[in-house]
Amino acid sequence: YLDIGKFGGLAETMDEAIRYSIVTDRDHDTRSPCVLAGPTCDSADVLYEKNPYALPDTLQAGDEVFIEGTGAYTSTYSAVAFNGFPPLRTFAI
């Protein structure tokens, strides 16, 4: 499980339309297919179920998973505080 999902800013992963680059500090380790899920307990908050990512077998709870290239588009869907989660903070650079 990730601390972000479709309802927290990754709506573009719906129907696996966009495949983001996912990086971890353990990328050199052996990998296996992995289904990623967001934190909302909503059955639709599953990322890349049809085409799972190969992630390191050694990942542990608390390890950082970097989802690269999400950019400004991720903040709009999360503005509604879905399922009790507060909206993401936005910073202008």
PDB file of N, CA and C in Angstrom:
ATOM      1  N   TYR A   1       0.832  -1.181   0.000  1.00  0.00           N
ATOM      2  CA  TYR A   1       0.000   0.000   0.000  1.00  0.00           C
ATOM      3  C   TYR A   1       0.874   1.241   0.000  1.00  0.00           C
ATOM      4  N   LEU A   2       0.417   2.251  -0.735  1.00  0.00           N
ATOM      5  CA  LEU A   2       1.115   3.530  -0.795  1.00  0.00           C
ATOM      6  C   LEU A   2       0.343   4.563   0.008  1.00  0.00           C
ATOM      7  N   ASP A   3       0.984   5.666   0.352  1.00  0.00           N
ATOM      8  CA  ASP A   3       0.278   6.738   1.057  1.00  0.00           C
ATOM      9  C   ASP A   3      -0.373   7.715   0.082  1.00  0.00           C
ATOM     10  N   ILE A   4      -0.396   7.358  -1.186  1.00  0.00           N
ATOM     11  CA  ILE A   4      -1.063   8.140  -2.228  1.00  0.00           C
ATOM     12  C   ILE A   4      -1.718   7.156  -3.191  1.00  0.00           C
ATOM     13  N   GLY A   5      -2.820   7.568  -3.791  1.00  0.00           N
ATOM     14  CA  GLY A   5      -3.503   6.685  -4.727  1.00  0.00           C
ATOM     15  C   GLY A   5      -4.300   7.488  -5.732  1.00  0.00           C
ATOM     16  N   LYS A   6      -5.253   6.844  -6.374  1.00  0.00           N
ATOM     17  CA  LYS A   6      -6.069   7.516  -7.393  1.00  0.00           C
ATOM     18  C   LYS A   6      -6.820   8.707  -6.829  1.00  0.00           C
ATOM     19  N   PHE A   7      -7.262   8.609  -5.585  1.00  0.00           N
ATOM     20  CA  PHE A   7      -8.091   9.663  -5.014  1.00  0.00           C
ATOM     21  C   PHE A   7      -7.281  10.708  -4.264  1.00  0.00           C
ATOM     22  N   GLY A   8      -5.977  10.561  -4.246  1.00  0.00           N
ATOM     23  CA  GLY A   8      -5.120  11.533  -3.598  1.00  0.00           C
ATOM     24  C   GLY A   8      -4.254  12.283  -4.584  1.00  0.00           C
ATOM     25  N   GLY A   9      -4.441  12.051  -5.864  1.00  0.00           N
ATOM     26  CA  GLY A   9      -3.674  12.786  -6.854  1.00  0.00           C
ATOM     27  C   GLY A   9      -3.196  11.983  -8.036  1.00  0.00           C
ATOM     28  N   LEU A  10      -3.483  10.693  -8.094  1.00  0.00           N
ATOM     29  CA  LEU A  10      -3.027   9.882  -9.225  1.00  0.00           C
ATOM     30  C   LEU A  10      -4.197   9.408 -10.085  1.00  0.00           C
ATOM     31  N   ALA A  11      -5.144  10.307 -10.316  1.00  0.00           N
ATOM     32  CA  ALA A  11      -6.324   9.958 -11.113  1.00  0.00           C
ATOM     33  C   ALA A  11      -5.951   9.534 -12.527  1.00  0.00           C
ATOM     34  N   GLU A  12      -4.817  10.012 -13.013  1.00  0.00           N
ATOM     35  CA  GLU A  12      -4.388   9.670 -14.372  1.00  0.00           C
ATOM     36  C   GLU A  12      -4.049   8.194 -14.529  1.00  0.00           C
ATOM     37  N   THR A  13      -3.927   7.481 -13.424  1.00  0.00           N
ATOM     38  CA  THR A  13      -3.654   6.043 -13.504  1.00  0.00           C
ATOM     39  C   THR A  13      -4.931   5.243 -13.753  1.00  0.00           C
ATOM     40  N   MET A  14      -6.077   5.908 -13.730  1.00  0.00           N
ATOM     41  CA  MET A  14      -7.347   5.238 -14.005  1.00  0.00           C
ATOM     42  C   MET A  14      -7.257   4.542 -15.358  1.00  0.00           C
ATOM     43  N   ASP A  15      -7.674   3.325 -15.422  1.00  0.00           N
ATOM     44  CA  ASP A  15      -7.589   2.498 -16.636  1.00  0.00           C
ATOM     45  C   ASP A  15      -6.154   2.384 -17.160  1.00  0.00           C
ATOM     46  N   GLU A  16      -5.198   2.650 -16.283  1.00  0.00           N
ATOM     47  CA  GLU A  16      -3.775   2.539 -16.606  1.00  0.00           C
ATOM     48  C   GLU A  16      -3.386   3.385 -17.814  1.00  0.00           C
ATOM     49  N   ALA A  17      -4.062   4.547 -17.943  1.00  0.00           N
ATOM     50  CA  ALA A  17      -3.837   5.438 -19.079  1.00  0.00           C
ATOM     51  C   ALA A  17      -2.420   6.004 -19.095  1.00  0.00           C
ATOM     52  N   ILE A  18      -1.897   6.335 -17.927  1.00  0.00           N
ATOM     53  CA  ILE A  18      -0.538   6.862 -17.825  1.00  0.00           C
ATOM     54  C   ILE A  18       0.264   5.919 -16.941  1.00  0.00           C
ATOM     55  N   ARG A  19       1.447   5.576 -17.397  1.00  0.00           N
ATOM     56  CA  ARG A  19       2.328   4.698 -16.626  1.00  0.00           C
ATOM     57  C   ARG A  19       3.519   5.520 -16.149  1.00  0.00           C
ATOM     58  N   TYR A  20       3.455   5.935 -14.898  1.00  0.00           N
ATOM     59  CA  TYR A  20       4.523   6.743 -14.322  1.00  0.00           C
ATOM     60  C   TYR A  20       5.771   5.902 -14.060  1.00  0.00           C
ATOM     61  N   SER A  21       6.907   6.555 -14.073  1.00  0.00           N
ATOM     62  CA  SER A  21       8.155   5.913 -13.676  1.00  0.00           C
ATOM     63  C   SER A  21       8.153   5.789 -12.153  1.00  0.00           C
ATOM     64  N   ILE A  22       8.421   4.594 -11.649  1.00  0.00           N
ATOM     65  CA  ILE A  22       8.459   4.359 -10.204  1.00  0.00           C
ATOM     66  C   ILE A  22       9.866   3.923  -9.829  1.00  0.00           C
ATOM     67  N   VAL A  23      10.448   4.621  -8.842  1.00  0.00           N
ATOM     68  CA  VAL A  23      11.826   4.401  -8.435  1.00  0.00           C
ATOM     69  C   VAL A  23      11.880   4.191  -6.926  1.00  0.00           C
ATOM     70  N   THR A  24      12.759   3.292  -6.481  1.00  0.00           N
ATOM     71  CA  THR A  24      12.985   3.086  -5.047  1.00  0.00           C
ATOM     72  C   THR A  24      14.490   3.054  -4.784  1.00  0.00           C
ATOM     73  N   ASP A  25      14.853   3.112  -3.521  1.00  0.00           N
ATOM     74  CA  ASP A  25      16.263   2.996  -3.148  1.00  0.00           C
ATOM     75  C   ASP A  25      16.764   1.562  -3.242  1.00  0.00           C
ATOM     76  N   ARG A  26      15.874   0.620  -3.523  1.00  0.00           N
ATOM     77  CA  ARG A  26      16.242  -0.796  -3.588  1.00  0.00           C
ATOM     78  C   ARG A  26      16.140  -1.349  -5.015  1.00  0.00           C
ATOM     79  N   ASP A  27      16.181  -0.480  -6.000  1.00  0.00           N
ATOM     80  CA  ASP A  27      15.985  -0.904  -7.387  1.00  0.00           C
ATOM     81  C   ASP A  27      17.012  -1.910  -7.892  1.00  0.00           C
ATOM     82  N   HIS A  28      18.134  -2.035  -7.223  1.00  0.00           N
ATOM     83  CA  HIS A  28      19.163  -2.998  -7.638  1.00  0.00           C
ATOM     84  C   HIS A  28      18.835  -4.427  -7.171  1.00  0.00           C
ATOM     85  N   ASP A  29      17.848  -4.587  -6.293  1.00  0.00           N
ATOM     86  CA  ASP A  29      17.479  -5.906  -5.759  1.00  0.00           C
ATOM     87  C   ASP A  29      16.583  -6.672  -6.733  1.00  0.00           C
ATOM     88  N   THR A  30      16.410  -7.957  -6.480  1.00  0.00           N
ATOM     89  CA  THR A  30      15.538  -8.804  -7.287  1.00  0.00           C
ATOM     90  C   THR A  30      14.116  -8.256  -7.249  1.00  0.00           C
ATOM     91  N   ARG A  31      13.438  -8.312  -8.389  1.00  0.00           N
ATOM     92  CA  ARG A  31      12.090  -7.736  -8.500  1.00  0.00           C
ATOM     93  C   ARG A  31      11.057  -8.794  -8.839  1.00  0.00           C
ATOM     94  N   SER A  32       9.812  -8.485  -8.454  1.00  0.00           N
ATOM     95  CA  SER A  32       8.663  -9.326  -8.791  1.00  0.00           C
ATOM     96  C   SER A  32       7.487  -8.417  -9.112  1.00  0.00           C
ATOM     97  N   PRO A  33       6.522  -8.910  -9.906  1.00  0.00           N
ATOM     98  CA  PRO A  33       5.330  -8.106 -10.202  1.00  0.00           C
ATOM     99  C   PRO A  33       4.600  -7.737  -8.914  1.00  0.00           C
ATOM    100  N   CYS A  34       4.120  -6.505  -8.877  1.00  0.00           N
ATOM    101  CA  CYS A  34       3.486  -5.988  -7.664  1.00  0.00           C
ATOM    102  C   CYS A  34       2.283  -5.128  -8.042  1.00  0.00           C
ATOM    103  N   VAL A  35       1.165  -5.348  -7.388  1.00  0.00           N
ATOM    104  CA  VAL A  35      -0.008  -4.496  -7.561  1.00  0.00           C
ATOM    105  C   VAL A  35       0.047  -3.430  -6.477  1.00  0.00           C
ATOM    106  N   LEU A  36      -0.077  -2.175  -6.858  1.00  0.00           N
ATOM    107  CA  LEU A  36      -0.018  -1.062  -5.917  1.00  0.00           C
ATOM    108  C   LEU A  36      -1.417  -0.586  -5.585  1.00  0.00           C
ATOM    109  N   ALA A  37      -1.648  -0.266  -4.326  1.00  0.00           N
ATOM    110  CA  ALA A  37      -2.955   0.224  -3.895  1.00  0.00           C
ATOM    111  C   ALA A  37      -2.777   1.487  -3.070  1.00  0.00           C
ATOM    112  N   GLY A  38      -3.754   2.386  -3.178  1.00  0.00           N
ATOM    113  CA  GLY A  38      -3.744   3.612  -2.395  1.00  0.00           C
ATOM    114  C   GLY A  38      -4.312   3.378  -1.008  1.00  0.00           C
ATOM    115  N   PRO A  39      -4.364   4.427  -0.185  1.00  0.00           N
ATOM    116  CA  PRO A  39      -4.722   4.285   1.221  1.00  0.00           C
ATOM    117  C   PRO A  39      -6.204   4.407   1.556  1.00  0.00           C
ATOM    118  N   THR A  40      -7.075   4.590   0.566  1.00  0.00           N
ATOM    119  CA  THR A  40      -8.455   4.977   0.886  1.00  0.00           C
ATOM    120  C   THR A  40      -9.407   3.842   1.221  1.00  0.00           C
ATOM    121  N   CYS A  41      -9.016   2.609   1.052  1.00  0.00           N
ATOM    122  CA  CYS A  41      -9.905   1.447   1.262  1.00  0.00           C
ATOM    123  C   CYS A  41     -11.030   1.394   0.238  1.00  0.00           C
ATOM    124  N   ASP A  42     -10.925   2.150  -0.831  1.00  0.00           N
ATOM    125  CA  ASP A  42     -11.891   2.093  -1.922  1.00  0.00           C
ATOM    126  C   ASP A  42     -11.394   1.039  -2.907  1.00  0.00           C
ATOM    127  N   SER A  43     -12.278   0.175  -3.354  1.00  0.00           N
ATOM    128  CA  SER A  43     -11.859  -0.914  -4.242  1.00  0.00           C
ATOM    129  C   SER A  43     -11.285  -0.412  -5.564  1.00  0.00           C
ATOM    130  N   ALA A  44     -11.594   0.822  -5.939  1.00  0.00           N
ATOM    131  CA  ALA A  44     -11.061   1.385  -7.183  1.00  0.00           C
ATOM    132  C   ALA A  44      -9.675   2.004  -6.999  1.00  0.00           C
ATOM    133  N   ASP A  45      -9.214   2.103  -5.754  1.00  0.00           N
ATOM    134  CA  ASP A  45      -7.927   2.749  -5.476  1.00  0.00           C
ATOM    135  C   ASP A  45      -6.771   1.757  -5.618  1.00  0.00           C
ATOM    136  N   VAL A  46      -6.721   1.103  -6.772  1.00  0.00           N
ATOM    137  CA  VAL A  46      -5.665   0.138  -7.094  1.00  0.00           C
ATOM    138  C   VAL A  46      -4.985   0.623  -8.370  1.00  0.00           C
ATOM    139  N   LEU A  47      -3.667   0.681  -8.344  1.00  0.00           N
ATOM    140  CA  LEU A  47      -2.901   1.193  -9.470  1.00  0.00           C
ATOM    141  C   LEU A  47      -2.263   0.046 -10.237  1.00  0.00           C
ATOM    142  N   TYR A  48      -2.425   0.053 -11.518  1.00  0.00           N
ATOM    143  CA  TYR A  48      -1.732  -0.887 -12.400  1.00  0.00           C
ATOM    144  C   TYR A  48      -1.997  -2.349 -12.037  1.00  0.00           C
ATOM    145  N   GLU A  49      -3.252  -2.681 -11.884  1.00  0.00           N
ATOM    146  CA  GLU A  49      -3.646  -4.054 -11.563  1.00  0.00           C
ATOM    147  C   GLU A  49      -3.518  -4.968 -12.784  1.00  0.00           C
ATOM    148  N   LYS A  50      -3.826  -4.429 -13.964  1.00  0.00           N
ATOM    149  CA  LYS A  50      -3.754  -5.236 -15.194  1.00  0.00           C
ATOM    150  C   LYS A  50      -2.312  -5.474 -15.631  1.00  0.00           C
ATOM    151  N   ASN A  51      -1.482  -4.479 -15.464  1.00  0.00           N
ATOM    152  CA  ASN A  51      -0.071  -4.547 -15.866  1.00  0.00           C
ATOM    153  C   ASN A  51       0.801  -4.130 -14.686  1.00  0.00           C
ATOM    154  N   PRO A  52       1.022  -5.043 -13.749  1.00  0.00           N
ATOM    155  CA  PRO A  52       1.758  -4.696 -12.527  1.00  0.00           C
ATOM    156  C   PRO A  52       3.195  -4.255 -12.796  1.00  0.00           C
ATOM    157  N   TYR A  53       3.689  -3.430 -11.898  1.00  0.00           N
ATOM    158  CA  TYR A  53       5.094  -3.035 -11.927  1.00  0.00           C
ATOM    159  C   TYR A  53       5.938  -4.130 -11.297  1.00  0.00           C
ATOM    160  N   ALA A  54       7.167  -4.262 -11.759  1.00  0.00           N
ATOM    161  CA  ALA A  54       8.134  -5.138 -11.092  1.00  0.00           C
ATOM    162  C   ALA A  54       8.870  -4.276 -10.070  1.00  0.00           C
ATOM    163  N   LEU A  55       8.611  -4.527  -8.797  1.00  0.00           N
ATOM    164  CA  LEU A  55       9.245  -3.769  -7.724  1.00  0.00           C
ATOM    165  C   LEU A  55      10.135  -4.691  -6.901  1.00  0.00           C
ATOM    166  N   PRO A  56      11.105  -4.120  -6.188  1.00  0.00           N
ATOM    167  CA  PRO A  56      12.035  -4.935  -5.410  1.00  0.00           C
ATOM    168  C   PRO A  56      11.326  -5.798  -4.361  1.00  0.00           C
ATOM    169  N   ASP A  57      11.735  -7.060  -4.287  1.00  0.00           N
ATOM    170  CA  ASP A  57      11.179  -7.981  -3.291  1.00  0.00           C
ATOM    171  C   ASP A  57      11.523  -7.547  -1.870  1.00  0.00           C
ATOM    172  N   THR A  58      12.561  -6.754  -1.725  1.00  0.00           N
ATOM    173  CA  THR A  58      13.042  -6.364  -0.399  1.00  0.00           C
ATOM    174  C   THR A  58      12.370  -5.114   0.158  1.00  0.00           C
ATOM    175  N   LEU A  59      11.418  -4.528  -0.565  1.00  0.00           N
ATOM    176  CA  LEU A  59      10.736  -3.333  -0.050  1.00  0.00           C
ATOM    177  C   LEU A  59      10.074  -3.646   1.286  1.00  0.00           C
ATOM    178  N   GLN A  60      10.176  -2.704   2.203  1.00  0.00           N
ATOM    179  CA  GLN A  60       9.603  -2.841   3.538  1.00  0.00           C
ATOM    180  C   GLN A  60       8.622  -1.698   3.781  1.00  0.00           C
ATOM    181  N   ALA A  61       7.716  -1.893   4.721  1.00  0.00           N
ATOM    182  CA  ALA A  61       6.820  -0.810   5.131  1.00  0.00           C
ATOM    183  C   ALA A  61       7.682   0.368   5.575  1.00  0.00           C
ATOM    184  N   GLY A  62       7.354   1.549   5.081  1.00  0.00           N
ATOM    185  CA  GLY A  62       8.103   2.749   5.420  1.00  0.00           C
ATOM    186  C   GLY A  62       9.145   3.145   4.387  1.00  0.00           C
ATOM    187  N   ASP A  63       9.506   2.229   3.470  1.00  0.00           N
ATOM    188  CA  ASP A  63      10.444   2.583   2.400  1.00  0.00           C
ATOM    189  C   ASP A  63       9.797   3.608   1.476  1.00  0.00           C
ATOM    190  N   GLU A  64      10.612   4.490   0.927  1.00  0.00           N
ATOM    191  CA  GLU A  64      10.093   5.493   0.004  1.00  0.00           C
ATOM    192  C   GLU A  64       9.973   4.919  -1.399  1.00  0.00           C
ATOM    193  N   VAL A  65       8.856   5.222  -2.033  1.00  0.00           N
ATOM    194  CA  VAL A  65       8.603   4.853  -3.422  1.00  0.00           C
ATOM    195  C   VAL A  65       8.360   6.167  -4.155  1.00  0.00           C
ATOM    196  N   PHE A  66       9.213   6.475  -5.107  1.00  0.00           N
ATOM    197  CA  PHE A  66       9.114   7.736  -5.831  1.00  0.00           C
ATOM    198  C   PHE A  66       8.341   7.521  -7.127  1.00  0.00           C
ATOM    199  N   ILE A  67       7.256   8.274  -7.290  1.00  0.00           N
ATOM    200  CA  ILE A  67       6.466   8.212  -8.515  1.00  0.00           C
ATOM    201  C   ILE A  67       6.813   9.477  -9.292  1.00  0.00           C
ATOM    202  N   GLU A  68       7.637   9.311 -10.308  1.00  0.00           N
ATOM    203  CA  GLU A  68       8.204  10.458 -11.007  1.00  0.00           C
ATOM    204  C   GLU A  68       7.298  10.983 -12.116  1.00  0.00           C
ATOM    205  N   GLY A  69       7.403  12.286 -12.349  1.00  0.00           N
ATOM    206  CA  GLY A  69       6.723  12.902 -13.476  1.00  0.00           C
ATOM    207  C   GLY A  69       5.250  13.182 -13.264  1.00  0.00           C
ATOM    208  N   THR A  70       4.791  13.201 -12.030  1.00  0.00           N
ATOM    209  CA  THR A  70       3.364  13.445 -11.808  1.00  0.00           C
ATOM    210  C   THR A  70       3.007  14.908 -12.015  1.00  0.00           C
ATOM    211  N   GLY A  71       3.865  15.818 -11.648  1.00  0.00           N
ATOM    212  CA  GLY A  71       3.685  17.233 -11.930  1.00  0.00           C
ATOM    213  C   GLY A  71       2.444  17.866 -11.334  1.00  0.00           C
ATOM    214  N   ALA A  72       2.044  18.980 -11.890  1.00  0.00           N
ATOM    215  CA  ALA A  72       0.953  19.789 -11.363  1.00  0.00           C
ATOM    216  C   ALA A  72      -0.415  19.135 -11.494  1.00  0.00           C
ATOM    217  N   TYR A  73      -0.563  18.175 -12.365  1.00  0.00           N
ATOM    218  CA  TYR A  73      -1.869  17.571 -12.597  1.00  0.00           C
ATOM    219  C   TYR A  73      -2.381  16.768 -11.411  1.00  0.00           C
ATOM    220  N   THR A  74      -1.523  16.398 -10.515  1.00  0.00           N
ATOM    221  CA  THR A  74      -1.934  15.535  -9.410  1.00  0.00           C
ATOM    222  C   THR A  74      -2.733  16.258  -8.340  1.00  0.00           C
ATOM    223  N   SER A  75      -2.646  17.566  -8.240  1.00  0.00           N
ATOM    224  CA  SER A  75      -3.311  18.262  -7.138  1.00  0.00           C
ATOM    225  C   SER A  75      -4.794  18.519  -7.372  1.00  0.00           C
ATOM    226  N   THR A  76      -5.265  18.526  -8.582  1.00  0.00           N
ATOM    227  CA  THR A  76      -6.654  18.900  -8.835  1.00  0.00           C
ATOM    228  C   THR A  76      -7.657  17.874  -8.318  1.00  0.00           C
ATOM    229  N   TYR A  77      -7.415  16.619  -8.507  1.00  0.00           N
ATOM    230  CA  TYR A  77      -8.361  15.577  -8.098  1.00  0.00           C
ATOM    231  C   TYR A  77      -8.406  15.416  -6.586  1.00  0.00           C
ATOM    232  N   SER A  78      -7.329  15.757  -5.922  1.00  0.00           N
ATOM    233  CA  SER A  78      -7.264  15.565  -4.480  1.00  0.00           C
ATOM    234  C   SER A  78      -7.855  16.732  -3.697  1.00  0.00           C
ATOM    235  N   ALA A  79      -8.395  17.722  -4.355  1.00  0.00           N
ATOM    236  CA  ALA A  79      -8.902  18.914  -3.685  1.00  0.00           C
ATOM    237  C   ALA A  79     -10.215  18.685  -2.947  1.00  0.00           C
ATOM    238  N   VAL A  80     -10.827  17.516  -3.092  1.00  0.00           N
ATOM    239  CA  VAL A  80     -12.145  17.283  -2.505  1.00  0.00           C
ATOM    240  C   VAL A  80     -12.107  16.598  -1.150  1.00  0.00           C
ATOM    241  N   ALA A  81     -10.944  16.294  -0.622  1.00  0.00           N
ATOM    242  CA  ALA A  81     -10.796  15.615   0.666  1.00  0.00           C
ATOM    243  C   ALA A  81     -11.549  14.287   0.680  1.00  0.00           C
ATOM    244  N   PHE A  82     -11.326  13.477  -0.332  1.00  0.00           N
ATOM    245  CA  PHE A  82     -12.020  12.199  -0.485  1.00  0.00           C
ATOM    246  C   PHE A  82     -11.790  11.279   0.702  1.00  0.00           C
ATOM    247  N   ASN A  83     -12.852  10.687   1.203  1.00  0.00           N
ATOM    248  CA  ASN A  83     -12.803   9.644   2.228  1.00  0.00           C
ATOM    249  C   ASN A  83     -12.064  10.085   3.491  1.00  0.00           C
ATOM    250  N   GLY A  84     -12.159  11.375   3.813  1.00  0.00           N
ATOM    251  CA  GLY A  84     -11.563  11.890   5.035  1.00  0.00           C
ATOM    252  C   GLY A  84     -10.109  12.300   4.934  1.00  0.00           C
ATOM    253  N   PHE A  85      -9.498  12.127   3.763  1.00  0.00           N
ATOM    254  CA  PHE A  85      -8.111  12.532   3.591  1.00  0.00           C
ATOM    255  C   PHE A  85      -8.068  14.007   3.215  1.00  0.00           C
ATOM    256  N   PRO A  86      -7.225  14.798   3.872  1.00  0.00           N
ATOM    257  CA  PRO A  86      -7.163  16.227   3.549  1.00  0.00           C
ATOM    258  C   PRO A  86      -6.589  16.449   2.154  1.00  0.00           C
ATOM    259  N   PRO A  87      -6.977  17.564   1.514  1.00  0.00           N
ATOM    260  CA  PRO A  87      -6.417  17.880   0.197  1.00  0.00           C
ATOM    261  C   PRO A  87      -4.896  18.036   0.283  1.00  0.00           C
ATOM    262  N   LEU A  88      -4.214  17.742  -0.816  1.00  0.00           N
ATOM    263  CA  LEU A  88      -2.768  17.935  -0.865  1.00  0.00           C
ATOM    264  C   LEU A  88      -2.442  19.418  -0.811  1.00  0.00           C
ATOM    265  N   ARG A  89      -1.339  19.751  -0.187  1.00  0.00           N
ATOM    266  CA  ARG A  89      -0.877  21.133  -0.184  1.00  0.00           C
ATOM    267  C   ARG A  89      -0.237  21.430  -1.529  1.00  0.00           C
ATOM    268  N   THR A  90      -0.429  22.646  -2.007  1.00  0.00           N
ATOM    269  CA  THR A  90       0.135  23.064  -3.285  1.00  0.00           C
ATOM    270  C   THR A  90       1.159  24.161  -3.045  1.00  0.00           C
ATOM    271  N   PHE A  91       2.290  24.056  -3.708  1.00  0.00           N
ATOM    272  CA  PHE A  91       3.343  25.054  -3.607  1.00  0.00           C
ATOM    273  C   PHE A  91       3.651  25.581  -5.000  1.00  0.00           C
ATOM    274  N   ALA A  92       3.667  26.904  -5.154  1.00  0.00           N
ATOM    275  CA  ALA A  92       4.049  27.519  -6.428  1.00  0.00           C
ATOM    276  C   ALA A  92       5.547  27.784  -6.393  1.00  0.00           C
ATOM    277  N   ILE A  93       6.219  27.357  -7.441  1.00  0.00           N
ATOM    278  CA  ILE A  93       7.676  27.543  -7.493  1.00  0.00           C
ATOM    279  C   ILE A  93       8.008  28.534  -8.592  1.00  0.00           C
TER     280      ILE A  93
END
